[in-house]
N, C-alpha and C. Protein backbone atom coordinates (compact mmCIF):
# COMPACT_ATOMS: atom_id res chain seq x y z
N MET A 1 10.33 -63.24 23.19
CA MET A 1 10.62 -61.88 23.72
C MET A 1 9.66 -60.89 23.04
N LEU A 2 9.11 -59.98 23.82
CA LEU A 2 8.19 -59.01 23.26
C LEU A 2 8.97 -57.95 22.53
N ARG A 3 8.45 -57.59 21.34
CA ARG A 3 9.08 -56.50 20.57
C ARG A 3 8.32 -55.24 20.73
N PRO A 4 9.00 -54.09 20.78
CA PRO A 4 8.25 -52.82 20.90
C PRO A 4 7.43 -52.59 19.61
N LYS A 5 6.31 -51.96 19.78
CA LYS A 5 5.46 -51.71 18.64
C LYS A 5 6.18 -50.77 17.69
N LEU A 6 6.04 -51.04 16.37
CA LEU A 6 6.78 -50.28 15.37
C LEU A 6 6.38 -48.82 15.40
N GLY A 7 5.08 -48.52 15.59
CA GLY A 7 4.67 -47.12 15.61
C GLY A 7 5.29 -46.34 16.72
N ALA A 8 5.35 -46.96 17.92
CA ALA A 8 5.96 -46.26 19.07
C ALA A 8 7.43 -46.02 18.80
N HIS A 9 8.11 -47.00 18.22
CA HIS A 9 9.54 -46.84 17.92
C HIS A 9 9.79 -45.69 16.98
N ASN A 10 8.93 -45.62 15.93
CA ASN A 10 9.07 -44.53 14.95
C ASN A 10 8.80 -43.17 15.54
N SER A 11 7.82 -43.14 16.44
CA SER A 11 7.48 -41.85 17.13
C SER A 11 8.66 -41.35 17.90
N ARG A 12 9.29 -42.29 18.70
CA ARG A 12 10.42 -41.87 19.51
C ARG A 12 11.60 -41.42 18.64
N ARG A 13 11.81 -42.12 17.51
CA ARG A 13 12.91 -41.75 16.61
C ARG A 13 12.65 -40.35 16.00
N THR A 14 11.40 -40.10 15.59
CA THR A 14 11.08 -38.82 15.02
C THR A 14 11.27 -37.69 16.03
N PHE A 15 10.85 -37.96 17.28
CA PHE A 15 11.06 -36.94 18.32
C PHE A 15 12.51 -36.62 18.51
N LEU A 16 13.36 -37.70 18.58
CA LEU A 16 14.79 -37.47 18.76
C LEU A 16 15.40 -36.71 17.60
N GLN A 17 14.96 -37.03 16.38
CA GLN A 17 15.50 -36.36 15.22
C GLN A 17 15.16 -34.85 15.27
N ARG A 18 13.96 -34.56 15.63
CA ARG A 18 13.56 -33.15 15.70
C ARG A 18 14.31 -32.41 16.78
N ALA A 19 14.45 -33.08 17.95
CA ALA A 19 15.20 -32.46 19.06
C ALA A 19 16.65 -32.20 18.63
N PHE A 20 17.26 -33.16 17.92
CA PHE A 20 18.63 -33.00 17.47
C PHE A 20 18.74 -31.85 16.48
N ALA A 21 17.73 -31.70 15.61
CA ALA A 21 17.77 -30.63 14.64
C ALA A 21 17.68 -29.26 15.34
N VAL A 22 16.86 -29.14 16.36
CA VAL A 22 16.75 -27.91 17.09
C VAL A 22 18.07 -27.52 17.75
N VAL A 23 18.74 -28.52 18.32
CA VAL A 23 20.05 -28.27 18.98
C VAL A 23 21.06 -27.79 17.89
N LEU A 24 21.09 -28.46 16.76
CA LEU A 24 22.00 -28.06 15.69
C LEU A 24 21.74 -26.64 15.25
N PHE A 25 20.47 -26.26 15.10
CA PHE A 25 20.11 -24.93 14.65
C PHE A 25 20.59 -23.87 15.66
N ALA A 26 20.42 -24.20 16.95
CA ALA A 26 20.83 -23.24 18.00
C ALA A 26 22.36 -23.06 18.07
N LEU A 27 23.09 -24.17 17.80
CA LEU A 27 24.54 -24.12 17.93
C LEU A 27 25.22 -23.57 16.70
N ASP A 28 24.58 -23.65 15.53
CA ASP A 28 25.24 -23.26 14.28
C ASP A 28 24.78 -21.85 13.90
N PRO A 29 25.64 -20.86 14.05
CA PRO A 29 25.23 -19.49 13.73
C PRO A 29 24.93 -19.28 12.24
N SER A 30 25.39 -20.18 11.38
CA SER A 30 25.15 -20.02 9.96
C SER A 30 23.68 -20.34 9.58
N ARG A 31 22.98 -21.06 10.49
CA ARG A 31 21.61 -21.41 10.25
C ARG A 31 20.70 -20.30 10.82
N THR A 32 20.24 -19.41 9.99
CA THR A 32 19.43 -18.29 10.47
C THR A 32 18.13 -18.29 9.71
N ALA A 33 17.11 -17.72 10.36
CA ALA A 33 15.80 -17.60 9.70
C ALA A 33 15.87 -16.59 8.64
N SER A 34 15.01 -16.64 7.65
CA SER A 34 15.00 -15.66 6.58
C SER A 34 14.57 -14.31 7.17
N SER A 35 14.90 -13.25 6.41
CA SER A 35 14.56 -11.90 6.92
C SER A 35 13.03 -11.73 7.01
N ALA A 36 12.30 -12.40 6.10
CA ALA A 36 10.83 -12.27 6.14
C ALA A 36 10.29 -12.91 7.44
N GLU A 37 10.94 -13.99 7.90
CA GLU A 37 10.51 -14.65 9.14
C GLU A 37 10.80 -13.78 10.33
N LEU A 38 11.88 -12.99 10.24
CA LEU A 38 12.33 -12.20 11.38
C LEU A 38 11.46 -10.93 11.54
N LYS A 39 10.86 -10.45 10.45
CA LYS A 39 10.09 -9.21 10.52
C LYS A 39 8.60 -9.56 10.73
N PRO A 40 7.93 -8.77 11.56
CA PRO A 40 6.55 -9.08 11.85
C PRO A 40 5.66 -8.88 10.63
N ALA A 41 4.56 -9.60 10.59
CA ALA A 41 3.62 -9.46 9.47
C ALA A 41 2.94 -8.11 9.54
N ARG A 42 2.71 -7.52 8.36
CA ARG A 42 2.04 -6.21 8.25
C ARG A 42 0.98 -6.26 7.21
N LYS A 43 -0.08 -5.49 7.37
CA LYS A 43 -1.13 -5.39 6.40
C LYS A 43 -1.35 -3.92 6.08
N ILE A 44 -1.14 -3.56 4.78
CA ILE A 44 -1.32 -2.18 4.33
C ILE A 44 -2.51 -2.17 3.39
N ILE A 45 -3.41 -1.20 3.58
CA ILE A 45 -4.54 -1.03 2.71
C ILE A 45 -4.24 0.09 1.74
N ALA A 46 -4.24 -0.25 0.42
CA ALA A 46 -4.13 0.78 -0.61
C ALA A 46 -5.52 1.26 -0.97
N PHE A 47 -5.87 2.44 -0.50
CA PHE A 47 -7.22 2.96 -0.51
C PHE A 47 -7.30 4.11 -1.52
N GLY A 48 -7.96 3.88 -2.68
CA GLY A 48 -7.97 4.95 -3.67
C GLY A 48 -8.95 4.71 -4.79
N ASP A 49 -8.62 5.29 -5.95
CA ASP A 49 -9.48 5.20 -7.10
C ASP A 49 -8.92 4.26 -8.14
N SER A 50 -9.16 4.53 -9.44
CA SER A 50 -8.78 3.63 -10.51
C SER A 50 -7.26 3.49 -10.63
N ILE A 51 -6.47 4.46 -10.17
CA ILE A 51 -5.02 4.39 -10.21
C ILE A 51 -4.58 3.20 -9.31
N ILE A 52 -5.17 3.13 -8.13
CA ILE A 52 -4.87 2.01 -7.20
C ILE A 52 -5.54 0.74 -7.69
N ALA A 53 -6.80 0.81 -8.13
CA ALA A 53 -7.53 -0.39 -8.58
C ALA A 53 -6.79 -1.09 -9.71
N GLY A 54 -6.09 -0.31 -10.57
CA GLY A 54 -5.39 -0.92 -11.70
C GLY A 54 -6.30 -1.04 -12.93
N LEU A 55 -7.11 -0.03 -13.17
CA LEU A 55 -8.03 -0.05 -14.33
C LEU A 55 -7.23 -0.35 -15.60
N GLY A 56 -7.69 -1.35 -16.33
CA GLY A 56 -7.07 -1.72 -17.60
C GLY A 56 -5.88 -2.64 -17.46
N LEU A 57 -5.56 -3.03 -16.25
CA LEU A 57 -4.40 -3.90 -16.00
C LEU A 57 -4.82 -5.23 -15.39
N ARG A 58 -3.96 -6.22 -15.51
CA ARG A 58 -4.21 -7.45 -14.74
C ARG A 58 -4.05 -7.14 -13.26
N ASP A 59 -4.66 -7.92 -12.39
CA ASP A 59 -4.54 -7.70 -10.96
C ASP A 59 -3.11 -7.70 -10.53
N ASP A 60 -2.27 -8.57 -11.08
CA ASP A 60 -0.87 -8.68 -10.70
C ASP A 60 -0.04 -7.48 -11.12
N ASP A 61 -0.56 -6.67 -12.05
CA ASP A 61 0.18 -5.52 -12.52
C ASP A 61 -0.24 -4.21 -11.87
N ALA A 62 -1.29 -4.25 -11.04
CA ALA A 62 -1.76 -3.05 -10.37
C ALA A 62 -0.71 -2.65 -9.25
N ILE A 63 -0.78 -1.38 -8.83
CA ILE A 63 0.18 -0.83 -7.88
C ILE A 63 0.24 -1.69 -6.60
N PRO A 64 -0.85 -2.09 -5.99
CA PRO A 64 -0.76 -2.87 -4.75
C PRO A 64 0.05 -4.16 -4.90
N ALA A 65 -0.22 -4.90 -5.97
CA ALA A 65 0.46 -6.18 -6.18
C ALA A 65 1.95 -5.95 -6.49
N ALA A 66 2.25 -4.95 -7.34
CA ALA A 66 3.65 -4.65 -7.70
C ALA A 66 4.41 -4.16 -6.48
N LEU A 67 3.77 -3.36 -5.64
CA LEU A 67 4.43 -2.89 -4.40
C LEU A 67 4.67 -4.02 -3.45
N GLN A 68 3.72 -4.93 -3.32
CA GLN A 68 3.89 -6.05 -2.41
C GLN A 68 5.05 -6.92 -2.88
N ARG A 69 5.18 -7.19 -4.16
CA ARG A 69 6.30 -7.97 -4.66
C ARG A 69 7.61 -7.29 -4.33
N ALA A 70 7.70 -6.00 -4.56
CA ALA A 70 8.98 -5.27 -4.33
C ALA A 70 9.36 -5.33 -2.84
N LEU A 71 8.40 -5.18 -1.98
CA LEU A 71 8.68 -5.16 -0.55
C LEU A 71 9.06 -6.58 -0.05
N ARG A 72 8.40 -7.59 -0.55
CA ARG A 72 8.72 -8.98 -0.14
C ARG A 72 10.12 -9.36 -0.62
N LYS A 73 10.53 -8.84 -1.77
CA LYS A 73 11.91 -9.12 -2.21
C LYS A 73 12.94 -8.51 -1.28
N GLU A 74 12.52 -7.45 -0.58
CA GLU A 74 13.44 -6.81 0.40
C GLU A 74 13.32 -7.44 1.78
N GLY A 75 12.48 -8.45 1.93
CA GLY A 75 12.37 -9.15 3.18
C GLY A 75 11.23 -8.70 4.09
N TYR A 76 10.35 -7.83 3.56
CA TYR A 76 9.22 -7.43 4.38
C TYR A 76 8.11 -8.46 4.30
N ASN A 77 7.59 -8.82 5.43
CA ASN A 77 6.46 -9.77 5.54
C ASN A 77 5.18 -8.91 5.50
N VAL A 78 4.77 -8.56 4.30
CA VAL A 78 3.71 -7.58 4.13
C VAL A 78 2.68 -8.05 3.08
N THR A 79 1.44 -7.67 3.37
CA THR A 79 0.37 -7.86 2.39
C THR A 79 -0.21 -6.50 2.06
N ILE A 80 -0.26 -6.16 0.80
CA ILE A 80 -0.87 -4.90 0.36
C ILE A 80 -2.26 -5.22 -0.23
N VAL A 81 -3.27 -4.74 0.42
CA VAL A 81 -4.65 -5.03 -0.01
C VAL A 81 -5.11 -3.96 -0.97
N ASN A 82 -5.62 -4.41 -2.15
CA ASN A 82 -6.13 -3.49 -3.14
C ASN A 82 -7.54 -3.07 -2.80
N ALA A 83 -7.67 -1.84 -2.30
CA ALA A 83 -8.98 -1.28 -1.96
C ALA A 83 -9.29 -0.10 -2.84
N GLY A 84 -8.91 -0.23 -4.11
CA GLY A 84 -9.18 0.84 -5.09
C GLY A 84 -10.54 0.63 -5.77
N VAL A 85 -11.24 1.71 -6.03
CA VAL A 85 -12.52 1.68 -6.74
C VAL A 85 -12.48 2.68 -7.87
N SER A 86 -12.69 2.26 -9.10
CA SER A 86 -12.65 3.16 -10.23
C SER A 86 -13.78 4.20 -10.10
N GLY A 87 -13.44 5.46 -10.38
CA GLY A 87 -14.41 6.54 -10.33
C GLY A 87 -14.61 7.11 -8.93
N GLU A 88 -13.88 6.65 -7.99
CA GLU A 88 -14.02 7.08 -6.58
C GLU A 88 -13.63 8.56 -6.40
N THR A 89 -14.42 9.28 -5.69
CA THR A 89 -14.08 10.66 -5.27
C THR A 89 -13.68 10.61 -3.82
N ALA A 90 -13.19 11.72 -3.30
CA ALA A 90 -12.84 11.76 -1.89
C ALA A 90 -14.05 11.56 -1.01
N SER A 91 -15.17 12.11 -1.43
CA SER A 91 -16.39 11.97 -0.63
C SER A 91 -16.95 10.57 -0.62
N SER A 92 -16.94 9.89 -1.78
CA SER A 92 -17.41 8.52 -1.79
C SER A 92 -16.43 7.59 -1.06
N GLY A 93 -15.16 7.95 -1.07
CA GLY A 93 -14.18 7.17 -0.30
C GLY A 93 -14.47 7.30 1.20
N LEU A 94 -14.79 8.49 1.63
CA LEU A 94 -15.12 8.72 3.04
C LEU A 94 -16.34 7.86 3.42
N ALA A 95 -17.34 7.76 2.51
CA ALA A 95 -18.55 7.02 2.82
C ALA A 95 -18.30 5.54 3.02
N ARG A 96 -17.26 4.98 2.38
CA ARG A 96 -17.01 3.54 2.51
C ARG A 96 -15.79 3.24 3.39
N LEU A 97 -15.25 4.24 4.02
CA LEU A 97 -13.99 4.06 4.76
C LEU A 97 -14.05 2.99 5.83
N ASP A 98 -15.03 3.05 6.72
CA ASP A 98 -15.07 2.13 7.86
C ASP A 98 -15.14 0.69 7.50
N TRP A 99 -16.05 0.36 6.59
CA TRP A 99 -16.22 -1.05 6.25
C TRP A 99 -15.12 -1.56 5.31
N THR A 100 -14.48 -0.65 4.60
CA THR A 100 -13.40 -1.07 3.73
C THR A 100 -12.12 -1.36 4.50
N ILE A 101 -11.75 -0.49 5.41
CA ILE A 101 -10.52 -0.65 6.17
C ILE A 101 -10.63 -1.83 7.13
N GLY A 102 -11.76 -1.98 7.79
CA GLY A 102 -11.94 -3.12 8.70
C GLY A 102 -10.97 -3.09 9.84
N ASP A 103 -10.67 -4.28 10.39
CA ASP A 103 -9.76 -4.40 11.52
C ASP A 103 -8.43 -4.99 11.06
N GLY A 104 -7.38 -4.69 11.80
CA GLY A 104 -6.09 -5.31 11.57
C GLY A 104 -5.18 -4.60 10.59
N ALA A 105 -5.58 -3.44 10.13
CA ALA A 105 -4.71 -2.69 9.20
C ALA A 105 -3.60 -2.00 9.97
N ASP A 106 -2.38 -2.18 9.51
CA ASP A 106 -1.22 -1.48 10.09
C ASP A 106 -0.94 -0.14 9.47
N GLY A 107 -1.45 0.03 8.28
CA GLY A 107 -1.19 1.31 7.55
C GLY A 107 -2.14 1.45 6.38
N VAL A 108 -2.24 2.68 5.88
CA VAL A 108 -3.10 2.96 4.70
C VAL A 108 -2.31 3.86 3.78
N ILE A 109 -2.32 3.53 2.49
CA ILE A 109 -1.86 4.42 1.45
C ILE A 109 -3.12 5.10 0.92
N LEU A 110 -3.23 6.38 1.14
CA LEU A 110 -4.47 7.13 0.78
C LEU A 110 -4.24 7.88 -0.51
N GLU A 111 -4.96 7.50 -1.54
CA GLU A 111 -4.83 8.10 -2.90
C GLU A 111 -6.20 8.42 -3.39
N LEU A 112 -6.66 9.65 -3.18
CA LEU A 112 -7.98 10.10 -3.65
C LEU A 112 -7.90 11.58 -4.01
N GLY A 113 -8.83 11.99 -4.84
CA GLY A 113 -8.87 13.40 -5.22
C GLY A 113 -8.72 13.62 -6.74
N GLY A 114 -8.15 12.66 -7.42
CA GLY A 114 -7.95 12.84 -8.89
C GLY A 114 -9.29 12.97 -9.61
N ASN A 115 -10.26 12.16 -9.24
CA ASN A 115 -11.59 12.25 -9.91
C ASN A 115 -12.32 13.51 -9.53
N ASP A 116 -12.08 14.01 -8.30
CA ASP A 116 -12.66 15.29 -7.91
C ASP A 116 -12.16 16.37 -8.84
N MET A 117 -10.84 16.37 -9.11
CA MET A 117 -10.27 17.38 -10.01
C MET A 117 -10.84 17.25 -11.41
N LEU A 118 -10.92 16.03 -11.95
CA LEU A 118 -11.42 15.84 -13.32
C LEU A 118 -12.86 16.27 -13.46
N ARG A 119 -13.60 16.20 -12.36
CA ARG A 119 -15.03 16.61 -12.39
C ARG A 119 -15.21 18.06 -12.02
N GLY A 120 -14.11 18.76 -11.65
CA GLY A 120 -14.20 20.17 -11.28
C GLY A 120 -14.89 20.40 -9.94
N ILE A 121 -14.87 19.42 -9.06
CA ILE A 121 -15.45 19.57 -7.70
C ILE A 121 -14.68 20.65 -6.97
N ASP A 122 -15.42 21.41 -6.23
CA ASP A 122 -14.83 22.46 -5.39
C ASP A 122 -13.71 21.85 -4.52
N PRO A 123 -12.50 22.41 -4.55
CA PRO A 123 -11.40 21.89 -3.75
C PRO A 123 -11.70 21.88 -2.24
N ASP A 124 -12.58 22.77 -1.79
CA ASP A 124 -12.96 22.79 -0.37
C ASP A 124 -13.70 21.47 0.01
N VAL A 125 -14.50 20.97 -0.94
CA VAL A 125 -15.23 19.74 -0.69
C VAL A 125 -14.28 18.56 -0.62
N THR A 126 -13.34 18.55 -1.56
CA THR A 126 -12.32 17.49 -1.60
C THR A 126 -11.47 17.50 -0.32
N GLU A 127 -11.04 18.68 0.06
CA GLU A 127 -10.20 18.76 1.26
C GLU A 127 -10.98 18.33 2.53
N ALA A 128 -12.21 18.74 2.61
CA ALA A 128 -13.00 18.36 3.79
C ALA A 128 -13.16 16.84 3.91
N ALA A 129 -13.37 16.15 2.79
CA ALA A 129 -13.51 14.71 2.79
C ALA A 129 -12.20 14.02 3.16
N LEU A 130 -11.12 14.47 2.56
CA LEU A 130 -9.80 13.89 2.91
C LEU A 130 -9.42 14.16 4.35
N ASP A 131 -9.77 15.35 4.82
CA ASP A 131 -9.53 15.70 6.24
C ASP A 131 -10.26 14.74 7.14
N ALA A 132 -11.52 14.41 6.84
CA ALA A 132 -12.32 13.51 7.67
C ALA A 132 -11.72 12.08 7.64
N ILE A 133 -11.24 11.66 6.47
CA ILE A 133 -10.59 10.35 6.35
C ILE A 133 -9.38 10.27 7.21
N LEU A 134 -8.51 11.28 7.13
CA LEU A 134 -7.30 11.29 7.90
C LEU A 134 -7.60 11.34 9.41
N ALA A 135 -8.61 12.10 9.81
CA ALA A 135 -8.99 12.20 11.21
C ALA A 135 -9.45 10.86 11.72
N ALA A 136 -10.25 10.14 10.90
CA ALA A 136 -10.78 8.84 11.35
C ALA A 136 -9.61 7.83 11.48
N LEU A 137 -8.67 7.83 10.54
CA LEU A 137 -7.53 6.93 10.61
C LEU A 137 -6.66 7.25 11.79
N LYS A 138 -6.45 8.52 12.04
CA LYS A 138 -5.63 8.92 13.22
C LYS A 138 -6.28 8.47 14.50
N ALA A 139 -7.60 8.58 14.60
CA ALA A 139 -8.30 8.16 15.81
C ALA A 139 -8.12 6.66 16.03
N ARG A 140 -7.96 5.90 14.98
CA ARG A 140 -7.76 4.45 15.10
C ARG A 140 -6.28 4.08 15.18
N LYS A 141 -5.41 5.10 15.24
CA LYS A 141 -3.98 4.91 15.33
C LYS A 141 -3.43 4.06 14.17
N ILE A 142 -3.95 4.32 12.98
CA ILE A 142 -3.49 3.69 11.75
C ILE A 142 -2.59 4.67 11.01
N ARG A 143 -1.37 4.23 10.71
CA ARG A 143 -0.46 5.07 10.03
C ARG A 143 -0.86 5.29 8.57
N VAL A 144 -0.53 6.46 8.03
CA VAL A 144 -1.00 6.83 6.68
C VAL A 144 0.16 7.37 5.85
N LEU A 145 0.20 6.96 4.59
CA LEU A 145 0.99 7.62 3.57
C LEU A 145 0.05 8.31 2.64
N LEU A 146 0.09 9.63 2.53
CA LEU A 146 -0.82 10.42 1.72
C LEU A 146 -0.18 10.59 0.33
N ALA A 147 -0.90 10.07 -0.69
CA ALA A 147 -0.45 10.19 -2.08
C ALA A 147 -1.16 11.33 -2.74
N GLY A 148 -0.43 12.36 -3.09
CA GLY A 148 -1.02 13.56 -3.62
C GLY A 148 -1.31 13.49 -5.13
N MET A 149 -2.18 14.36 -5.58
CA MET A 149 -2.50 14.57 -6.97
C MET A 149 -2.32 16.05 -7.30
N LYS A 150 -2.21 16.37 -8.58
CA LYS A 150 -2.09 17.72 -9.02
C LYS A 150 -3.14 18.06 -10.10
N ALA A 151 -3.63 19.27 -10.04
CA ALA A 151 -4.68 19.67 -10.97
C ALA A 151 -4.12 19.87 -12.39
N ALA A 152 -4.96 19.58 -13.35
CA ALA A 152 -4.57 19.80 -14.76
C ALA A 152 -4.58 21.32 -15.03
N PRO A 153 -3.58 21.82 -15.76
CA PRO A 153 -3.50 23.27 -16.05
C PRO A 153 -4.76 23.83 -16.72
N GLY A 154 -5.49 23.00 -17.46
CA GLY A 154 -6.64 23.48 -18.19
C GLY A 154 -7.78 23.95 -17.27
N LEU A 155 -7.69 23.65 -16.01
CA LEU A 155 -8.78 24.07 -15.07
C LEU A 155 -8.58 25.49 -14.56
N GLY A 156 -7.51 26.08 -14.98
CA GLY A 156 -7.26 27.46 -14.60
C GLY A 156 -6.35 27.61 -13.41
N PRO A 157 -5.59 28.69 -13.33
CA PRO A 157 -4.62 28.88 -12.27
C PRO A 157 -5.19 28.92 -10.85
N GLU A 158 -6.37 29.51 -10.68
CA GLU A 158 -6.94 29.60 -9.33
C GLU A 158 -7.36 28.21 -8.83
N TYR A 159 -8.04 27.47 -9.65
CA TYR A 159 -8.44 26.09 -9.26
C TYR A 159 -7.17 25.27 -9.00
N GLN A 160 -6.21 25.36 -9.87
CA GLN A 160 -4.95 24.64 -9.74
C GLN A 160 -4.26 24.97 -8.41
N ARG A 161 -4.22 26.25 -8.08
CA ARG A 161 -3.59 26.65 -6.82
C ARG A 161 -4.30 26.08 -5.63
N ARG A 162 -5.60 26.14 -5.61
CA ARG A 162 -6.37 25.65 -4.45
C ARG A 162 -6.32 24.14 -4.33
N PHE A 163 -6.41 23.45 -5.47
CA PHE A 163 -6.38 21.99 -5.41
C PHE A 163 -5.00 21.48 -5.01
N ASP A 164 -3.96 22.01 -5.62
CA ASP A 164 -2.60 21.51 -5.33
C ASP A 164 -2.19 21.78 -3.87
N ALA A 165 -2.82 22.75 -3.22
CA ALA A 165 -2.48 23.07 -1.85
C ALA A 165 -3.10 22.11 -0.83
N ILE A 166 -4.06 21.29 -1.28
CA ILE A 166 -4.78 20.40 -0.33
C ILE A 166 -3.80 19.43 0.33
N TYR A 167 -2.98 18.75 -0.42
CA TYR A 167 -2.20 17.62 0.11
C TYR A 167 -1.09 18.07 1.03
N PRO A 168 -0.30 19.09 0.69
CA PRO A 168 0.71 19.53 1.67
C PRO A 168 0.10 20.02 2.97
N ALA A 169 -1.05 20.70 2.88
CA ALA A 169 -1.69 21.25 4.07
C ALA A 169 -2.15 20.11 4.98
N LEU A 170 -2.78 19.08 4.40
CA LEU A 170 -3.26 17.97 5.25
C LEU A 170 -2.12 17.13 5.79
N ALA A 171 -1.07 16.97 5.01
CA ALA A 171 0.08 16.18 5.51
C ALA A 171 0.68 16.89 6.70
N LYS A 172 0.76 18.22 6.64
CA LYS A 172 1.30 18.97 7.77
C LYS A 172 0.35 18.93 8.98
N LYS A 173 -0.97 19.05 8.73
CA LYS A 173 -1.95 19.06 9.82
C LYS A 173 -1.91 17.74 10.59
N TYR A 174 -1.82 16.62 9.88
CA TYR A 174 -1.89 15.33 10.53
C TYR A 174 -0.51 14.65 10.72
N ASP A 175 0.51 15.38 10.32
CA ASP A 175 1.88 14.88 10.48
C ASP A 175 2.05 13.50 9.87
N VAL A 176 1.65 13.40 8.60
CA VAL A 176 1.79 12.15 7.87
C VAL A 176 2.74 12.34 6.69
N PRO A 177 3.46 11.29 6.30
CA PRO A 177 4.35 11.42 5.14
C PRO A 177 3.53 11.66 3.88
N LEU A 178 4.14 12.43 2.96
CA LEU A 178 3.43 12.81 1.74
C LEU A 178 4.26 12.42 0.51
N CYS A 179 3.61 11.79 -0.44
CA CYS A 179 4.17 11.64 -1.79
C CYS A 179 3.49 12.75 -2.57
N PRO A 180 4.22 13.86 -2.86
CA PRO A 180 3.54 15.08 -3.43
C PRO A 180 2.68 14.81 -4.66
N PHE A 181 3.14 13.97 -5.58
CA PHE A 181 2.38 13.67 -6.80
C PHE A 181 2.65 12.25 -7.16
N LEU A 182 1.65 11.39 -7.00
CA LEU A 182 1.87 9.95 -7.20
C LEU A 182 2.26 9.64 -8.66
N LEU A 183 1.81 10.43 -9.62
CA LEU A 183 2.09 10.16 -11.00
C LEU A 183 3.29 10.95 -11.55
N GLU A 184 4.10 11.40 -10.64
CA GLU A 184 5.34 12.12 -11.05
C GLU A 184 6.17 11.24 -12.01
N ASP A 185 6.61 11.87 -13.12
CA ASP A 185 7.42 11.18 -14.14
C ASP A 185 6.66 10.13 -14.93
N VAL A 186 5.35 10.03 -14.68
CA VAL A 186 4.49 9.08 -15.40
C VAL A 186 3.42 9.82 -16.20
N ALA A 187 2.79 10.79 -15.57
CA ALA A 187 1.72 11.58 -16.23
C ALA A 187 2.28 12.26 -17.43
N GLY A 188 1.56 12.10 -18.54
CA GLY A 188 1.97 12.77 -19.79
C GLY A 188 3.06 12.06 -20.58
N VAL A 189 3.52 10.89 -20.08
CA VAL A 189 4.54 10.14 -20.79
C VAL A 189 3.86 8.96 -21.50
N PRO A 190 3.72 9.04 -22.84
CA PRO A 190 2.93 8.01 -23.55
C PRO A 190 3.46 6.56 -23.32
N ALA A 191 4.77 6.36 -23.21
CA ALA A 191 5.27 5.03 -23.04
C ALA A 191 4.94 4.43 -21.70
N LEU A 192 4.51 5.26 -20.74
CA LEU A 192 4.20 4.79 -19.42
C LEU A 192 2.70 4.74 -19.09
N ASN A 193 1.89 5.06 -20.13
CA ASN A 193 0.47 5.13 -19.89
C ASN A 193 -0.29 4.26 -20.93
N GLN A 194 -1.52 3.92 -20.55
CA GLN A 194 -2.36 3.18 -21.46
C GLN A 194 -2.89 4.12 -22.55
N ASN A 195 -3.66 3.61 -23.46
CA ASN A 195 -4.13 4.40 -24.60
C ASN A 195 -4.98 5.61 -24.20
N ASP A 196 -5.60 5.52 -22.99
CA ASP A 196 -6.41 6.66 -22.57
C ASP A 196 -5.57 7.87 -22.14
N GLY A 197 -4.28 7.64 -21.97
CA GLY A 197 -3.36 8.73 -21.59
C GLY A 197 -3.51 9.16 -20.14
N MET A 198 -4.30 8.44 -19.37
CA MET A 198 -4.54 8.83 -18.00
C MET A 198 -4.11 7.77 -16.96
N HIS A 199 -4.20 6.52 -17.35
CA HIS A 199 -3.90 5.42 -16.41
C HIS A 199 -2.58 4.78 -16.76
N PRO A 200 -1.73 4.56 -15.78
CA PRO A 200 -0.41 3.97 -16.05
C PRO A 200 -0.51 2.54 -16.57
N ASN A 201 0.37 2.20 -17.48
CA ASN A 201 0.50 0.78 -17.88
C ASN A 201 1.41 0.08 -16.88
N SER A 202 1.79 -1.15 -17.14
CA SER A 202 2.62 -1.91 -16.20
C SER A 202 3.97 -1.26 -16.00
N ALA A 203 4.54 -0.68 -17.09
CA ALA A 203 5.82 0.02 -16.91
C ALA A 203 5.65 1.29 -16.10
N GLY A 204 4.54 1.97 -16.27
CA GLY A 204 4.27 3.14 -15.44
C GLY A 204 4.08 2.77 -13.96
N VAL A 205 3.42 1.64 -13.71
CA VAL A 205 3.27 1.17 -12.35
C VAL A 205 4.62 0.89 -11.70
N GLU A 206 5.52 0.26 -12.44
CA GLU A 206 6.85 -0.02 -11.89
C GLU A 206 7.56 1.27 -11.53
N THR A 207 7.41 2.32 -12.36
CA THR A 207 8.01 3.61 -12.06
C THR A 207 7.43 4.21 -10.79
N ILE A 208 6.14 4.12 -10.63
CA ILE A 208 5.47 4.64 -9.44
C ILE A 208 5.95 3.89 -8.19
N VAL A 209 6.04 2.60 -8.28
CA VAL A 209 6.45 1.77 -7.14
C VAL A 209 7.85 2.16 -6.71
N LYS A 210 8.75 2.33 -7.65
CA LYS A 210 10.14 2.69 -7.27
C LYS A 210 10.17 4.02 -6.56
N ARG A 211 9.31 4.96 -6.98
CA ARG A 211 9.34 6.29 -6.38
C ARG A 211 8.77 6.27 -4.97
N ILE A 212 7.75 5.42 -4.70
CA ILE A 212 7.13 5.48 -3.36
C ILE A 212 7.71 4.44 -2.39
N LEU A 213 8.62 3.56 -2.83
CA LEU A 213 9.18 2.57 -1.95
C LEU A 213 9.77 3.18 -0.64
N PRO A 214 10.57 4.25 -0.74
CA PRO A 214 11.11 4.80 0.52
C PRO A 214 10.06 5.19 1.51
N GLU A 215 8.97 5.81 1.02
CA GLU A 215 7.88 6.24 1.92
C GLU A 215 7.15 5.05 2.51
N VAL A 216 6.98 4.00 1.71
CA VAL A 216 6.28 2.82 2.24
C VAL A 216 7.16 2.07 3.25
N ARG A 217 8.45 2.01 2.98
CA ARG A 217 9.38 1.43 3.96
C ARG A 217 9.27 2.15 5.31
N ALA A 218 9.25 3.46 5.23
CA ALA A 218 9.10 4.27 6.47
C ALA A 218 7.81 3.98 7.18
N LEU A 219 6.73 3.77 6.43
CA LEU A 219 5.46 3.43 7.00
C LEU A 219 5.51 2.12 7.73
N LEU A 220 6.27 1.14 7.20
CA LEU A 220 6.38 -0.21 7.78
C LEU A 220 7.34 -0.20 8.97
N ASP A 221 8.41 0.56 8.87
CA ASP A 221 9.45 0.51 9.90
C ASP A 221 9.14 1.40 11.11
């Protein structure tokens, strides 16, 4: 008597096992996909200067990586791309915008202007560059979270007034969510900053991430 080939028999058995598993999954309401599987994949570009780049930190401790971990724990299927460049000004950010953002971005966290302030660049120049960045992202229908900065008091009240007004004005003009000051509760706190007193340490990064999570959730949802 001819016997069926073993390989064919195993193939049929595997097929039946898989089919049976699919039926069980459909009939058993307790078998559900994870929340990450249920939510669509998203890619957010964190576009900024050394604060985003994570100067002085390990890559895993920088804001984009810490934010990605926090969101994935909440079930978001998201990748946060670190597109920070140390020393970046708003104008140099504008110059590299197109090739840095590329295709497939669902959102951008825009954090620029701090180096403009430290260099005493005219706030009108900073605002014009940020305005052009927001206009370009809007034209591409990419959602934006604008992360604001504040001028140091030592630059004088007039410069401080003009610089600090940039971010609320642009957020209103382009109807984008605003984090008024990304370094709120971190700037000037020694325990949350590196030895330079300017860049957050890993504890400072965690504080920043907790503060901006609601805005980033809104960007994703």
